């Protein structure tokens, strides 16, 4: 269970947001249809989800683990889905980037403290499923890492996710999808290409072989 990696990856992501200049919030993110400010607003919602889940104990046996928590399917998000569009409106309502930064720091720090205090064996409920808290936090390493890549997609001056988080997230993506990406792919490229965040080059497509026709894997 990657509780410590959850904390490290979440801390790194929040630190990258805290270091953004105001003008960075108006730039496109790696999420189609979302600016950086929209992505940061989504992270606030994610942090709230973590807090809610960690205080929602369940008595039943676990129905999912860190890998099976995620499902593959659906179209690549465009930002036009009603919930995605709501996030855009919520982000715009903040007005000043500083307010959005403050809210993420406030709620995000609380989510981190809750994650550090929870018993990894506690059974919690979310999305109609039951997981051990440690598995739930492990699952979120993938969420934080992918969104950290989204954050820095067009902000090369901003620190991205750690090699440790990238490696673990690649392992999780391969476990979720049941495929192995070529060894020639870096962990970063496997995540970007595998989830449709980047189109593979001709060389990469050749290396993927028949796997290229199955991409992208939309994880949610």
Protein backbone atom coordinates (compact mmCIF):
# COMPACT_ATOMS: atom_id res chain seq x y z
CA UNK A 1 0.00 0.00 0.00
CA UNK A 2 1.45 3.35 -1.07
CA UNK A 3 0.22 5.69 1.69
CA UNK A 4 3.61 7.39 1.88
CA UNK A 5 3.76 7.74 -1.89
CA UNK A 6 0.26 9.20 -1.82
CA UNK A 7 1.51 11.85 0.60
CA UNK A 8 4.68 12.57 -1.35
CA UNK A 9 2.94 12.81 -4.72
CA UNK A 10 0.12 14.96 -3.31
CA UNK A 11 2.58 17.28 -1.56
CA UNK A 12 4.60 17.65 -4.77
CA UNK A 13 1.51 18.43 -6.83
CA UNK A 14 0.29 21.04 -4.35
CA UNK A 15 3.75 22.60 -4.23
CA UNK A 16 3.77 22.94 -8.02
CA UNK A 17 0.38 24.68 -7.90
CA UNK A 18 1.56 26.97 -5.11
CA UNK A 19 4.50 28.07 -7.27
CA UNK A 20 2.39 29.04 -10.28
CA UNK A 21 2.34 32.63 -11.47
CA UNK A 22 -1.07 34.22 -11.90
CA UNK A 23 -0.73 34.15 -15.68
CA UNK A 24 -0.14 30.39 -15.61
CA UNK A 25 -3.74 29.82 -14.51
CA UNK A 26 -5.02 31.06 -17.87
CA UNK A 27 -2.91 28.67 -19.93
CA UNK A 28 -4.18 25.36 -21.31
CA UNK A 29 -3.67 22.27 -19.19
CA UNK A 30 -3.15 18.73 -20.37
CA UNK A 31 -6.87 18.04 -19.85
CA UNK A 32 -8.77 18.75 -23.06
CA UNK A 33 -11.05 21.76 -22.70
CA UNK A 34 -9.58 22.81 -19.35
CA UNK A 35 -7.31 25.68 -18.46
CA UNK A 36 -4.88 25.28 -15.59
CA UNK A 37 -7.36 27.06 -13.31
CA UNK A 38 -10.01 24.46 -14.17
CA UNK A 39 -7.61 21.64 -13.37
CA UNK A 40 -6.73 23.22 -10.02
CA UNK A 41 -10.43 23.56 -9.21
CA UNK A 42 -10.80 19.85 -9.99
CA UNK A 43 -7.98 19.13 -7.53
CA UNK A 44 -9.96 20.95 -4.84
CA UNK A 45 -12.88 18.62 -5.57
CA UNK A 46 -10.54 15.62 -5.49
CA UNK A 47 -9.25 16.69 -2.09
CA UNK A 48 -12.81 16.97 -0.83
CA UNK A 49 -13.54 13.48 -2.15
CA UNK A 50 -10.54 12.11 -0.23
CA UNK A 51 -11.75 13.74 2.98
CA UNK A 52 -15.29 12.45 2.51
CA UNK A 53 -14.14 8.91 1.72
CA UNK A 54 -11.76 8.66 4.67
CA UNK A 55 -14.60 9.51 7.08
CA UNK A 56 -17.07 7.11 5.46
CA UNK A 57 -16.36 3.77 7.18
CA UNK A 58 -17.93 0.55 5.90
CA UNK A 59 -18.36 -2.80 7.62
CA UNK A 60 -18.47 -4.98 4.51
CA UNK A 61 -15.67 -6.89 2.83
CA UNK A 62 -13.60 -4.91 0.27
CA UNK A 63 -15.01 -5.05 -3.24
CA UNK A 64 -12.11 -3.22 -4.92
CA UNK A 65 -8.38 -2.66 -4.39
CA UNK A 66 -5.91 -0.03 -5.58
CA UNK A 67 -5.95 -1.34 -9.17
CA UNK A 68 -9.54 -2.49 -9.56
CA UNK A 69 -10.77 0.83 -8.13
CA UNK A 70 -10.24 2.23 -11.62
CA UNK A 71 -12.25 1.29 -14.69
CA UNK A 72 -11.39 1.60 -18.37
CA UNK A 73 -13.94 2.88 -20.85
CA UNK A 74 -15.67 5.86 -22.34
CA UNK A 75 -14.48 8.55 -24.68
CA UNK A 76 -11.52 10.83 -24.08
CA UNK A 77 -12.83 13.82 -22.08
CA UNK A 78 -13.29 17.02 -24.05
CA UNK A 79 -14.36 19.34 -21.24
CA UNK A 80 -17.93 19.43 -22.57
CA UNK A 81 -19.38 16.83 -20.20
CA UNK A 82 -21.85 18.52 -17.78
CA UNK A 83 -19.66 17.83 -14.74
CA UNK A 84 -16.54 19.01 -16.56
CA UNK A 85 -18.37 22.15 -17.67
CA UNK A 86 -19.48 22.75 -14.08
CA UNK A 87 -15.85 22.63 -12.98
CA UNK A 88 -15.02 25.33 -15.53
CA UNK A 89 -17.77 27.56 -14.17
CA UNK A 90 -16.69 26.97 -10.59
CA UNK A 91 -13.08 27.79 -11.44
CA UNK A 92 -14.11 31.04 -13.12
CA UNK A 93 -16.12 32.02 -10.04
CA UNK A 94 -12.93 32.21 -7.96
CA UNK A 95 -11.84 35.23 -9.97
CA UNK A 96 -8.37 35.66 -8.51
CA UNK A 97 -5.88 32.80 -8.84
CA UNK A 98 -4.78 33.47 -5.27
CA UNK A 99 -8.19 32.43 -3.95
CA UNK A 100 -8.02 29.15 -5.82
CA UNK A 101 -4.49 28.55 -4.53
CA UNK A 102 -5.63 29.25 -0.98
CA UNK A 103 -8.58 26.87 -1.20
CA UNK A 104 -6.44 24.04 -2.60
CA UNK A 105 -3.80 24.62 0.07
CA UNK A 106 -6.44 24.64 2.82
CA UNK A 107 -8.48 21.61 1.75
CA UNK A 108 -5.49 19.82 0.27
CA UNK A 109 -3.49 20.05 3.48
CA UNK A 110 -6.47 18.67 5.40
CA UNK A 111 -6.73 15.74 2.99
CA UNK A 112 -3.04 15.05 3.47
CA UNK A 113 -3.35 15.10 7.25
CA UNK A 114 -6.35 12.76 7.10
CA UNK A 115 -4.42 10.36 4.86
CA UNK A 116 -1.49 10.36 7.27
CA UNK A 117 -3.72 9.59 10.26
CA UNK A 118 -6.05 6.95 8.85
CA UNK A 119 -5.60 3.26 9.62
CA UNK A 120 -4.67 1.67 6.25
CA UNK A 121 -6.84 -1.34 7.16
CA UNK A 122 -9.97 0.76 7.79
CA UNK A 123 -12.68 -0.11 5.29
CA UNK A 124 -14.14 2.93 3.57
CA UNK A 125 -16.90 3.46 1.03
CA UNK A 126 -16.85 5.44 -2.19
CA UNK A 127 -18.58 5.16 -5.60
CA UNK A 128 -20.71 2.35 -4.21
CA UNK A 129 -17.64 0.22 -3.46
CA UNK A 130 -15.72 -0.80 -0.34
CA UNK A 131 -11.93 -0.50 -0.11
CA UNK A 132 -9.27 -0.60 2.55
CA UNK A 133 -8.16 2.98 3.18
CA UNK A 134 -4.62 2.10 2.21
CA UNK A 135 -5.77 0.76 -1.16
CA UNK A 136 -7.88 3.83 -1.74
CA UNK A 137 -4.91 6.11 -1.09
CA UNK A 138 -2.72 3.93 -3.31
CA UNK A 139 -5.23 4.30 -6.13
CA UNK A 140 -4.94 8.06 -5.86
CA UNK A 141 -1.23 8.00 -6.63
CA UNK A 142 -2.29 7.49 -10.25
CA UNK A 143 -4.77 10.38 -10.03
CA UNK A 144 -2.20 12.78 -8.61
CA UNK A 145 0.48 11.74 -11.07
CA UNK A 146 -1.68 12.06 -14.17
CA UNK A 147 -2.98 15.44 -13.07
CA UNK A 148 0.53 16.59 -12.23
CA UNK A 149 1.43 15.77 -15.83
CA UNK A 150 -1.67 17.71 -16.92
CA UNK A 151 -0.59 20.68 -14.83
CA UNK A 152 2.87 20.96 -16.37
CA UNK A 153 1.87 19.97 -19.93
CA UNK A 154 2.41 23.52 -21.22
CA UNK A 155 4.36 24.87 -18.26
CA UNK A 156 7.85 23.42 -18.72
CA UNK A 157 9.24 25.65 -15.97
CA UNK A 158 7.03 24.00 -13.33
CA UNK A 159 8.33 20.87 -11.54
CA UNK A 160 6.54 17.69 -12.58
CA UNK A 161 5.88 14.41 -10.78
CA UNK A 162 8.73 12.39 -9.28
CA UNK A 163 10.32 9.39 -10.97
CA UNK A 164 8.92 7.27 -8.15
CA UNK A 165 5.36 8.45 -8.79
CA UNK A 166 5.73 8.01 -12.54
CA UNK A 167 7.06 4.48 -12.15
CA UNK A 168 4.34 3.40 -9.74
CA UNK A 169 1.64 4.98 -11.92
CA UNK A 170 2.90 3.14 -14.98
CA UNK A 171 2.71 -0.12 -13.02
CA UNK A 172 -0.86 0.72 -12.04
CA UNK A 173 -1.88 1.64 -15.60
CA UNK A 174 -0.46 -1.63 -16.88
CA UNK A 175 -2.26 -3.51 -14.11
CA UNK A 176 -5.56 -1.75 -14.82
CA UNK A 177 -5.41 -2.34 -18.57
CA UNK A 178 -3.68 -5.72 -18.56
CA UNK A 179 -1.08 -4.58 -21.10
CA UNK A 180 2.63 -3.88 -21.05
CA UNK A 181 4.05 -0.84 -22.76
CA UNK A 182 7.35 -1.31 -24.62
CA UNK A 183 10.50 -0.92 -22.56
CA UNK A 184 11.52 1.83 -24.98
CA UNK A 185 8.75 4.01 -23.52
CA UNK A 186 9.69 6.12 -20.53
CA UNK A 187 7.24 5.98 -17.64
CA UNK A 188 6.11 9.50 -18.51
CA UNK A 189 5.50 8.66 -22.17
CA UNK A 190 3.70 5.42 -21.31
CA UNK A 191 1.28 7.41 -19.15
CA UNK A 192 0.80 10.24 -21.63
CA UNK A 193 0.34 8.03 -24.69
CA UNK A 194 -1.52 5.30 -22.85
CA UNK A 195 -4.19 7.65 -21.51
CA UNK A 196 -4.54 9.69 -24.69
CA UNK A 197 -2.83 12.77 -23.37
CA UNK A 198 -0.37 12.64 -26.25
CA UNK A 199 -0.55 11.10 -29.73
CA UNK A 200 2.26 8.58 -30.31
CA UNK A 201 4.89 9.41 -32.88
CA UNK A 202 5.33 7.20 -35.90
CA UNK A 203 8.27 5.46 -34.25
CA UNK A 204 6.31 4.95 -31.04
CA UNK A 205 3.30 3.63 -32.94
CA UNK A 206 5.51 1.09 -34.68
CA UNK A 207 6.92 0.03 -31.33
CA UNK A 208 3.43 -0.38 -29.88
CA UNK A 209 2.41 -2.81 -32.59
CA UNK A 210 -1.18 -4.00 -32.30
CA UNK A 211 -1.49 -2.20 -28.96
CA UNK A 212 -1.60 1.10 -30.87
CA UNK A 213 -5.07 0.23 -32.13
CA UNK A 214 -6.40 -0.12 -28.59
CA UNK A 215 -5.32 3.32 -27.42
CA UNK A 216 -6.17 5.44 -25.62
CA UNK A 217 -7.20 3.89 -22.31
CA UNK A 218 -9.60 6.28 -20.56
CA UNK A 219 -9.23 5.68 -16.84
CA UNK A 220 -11.94 6.78 -14.46
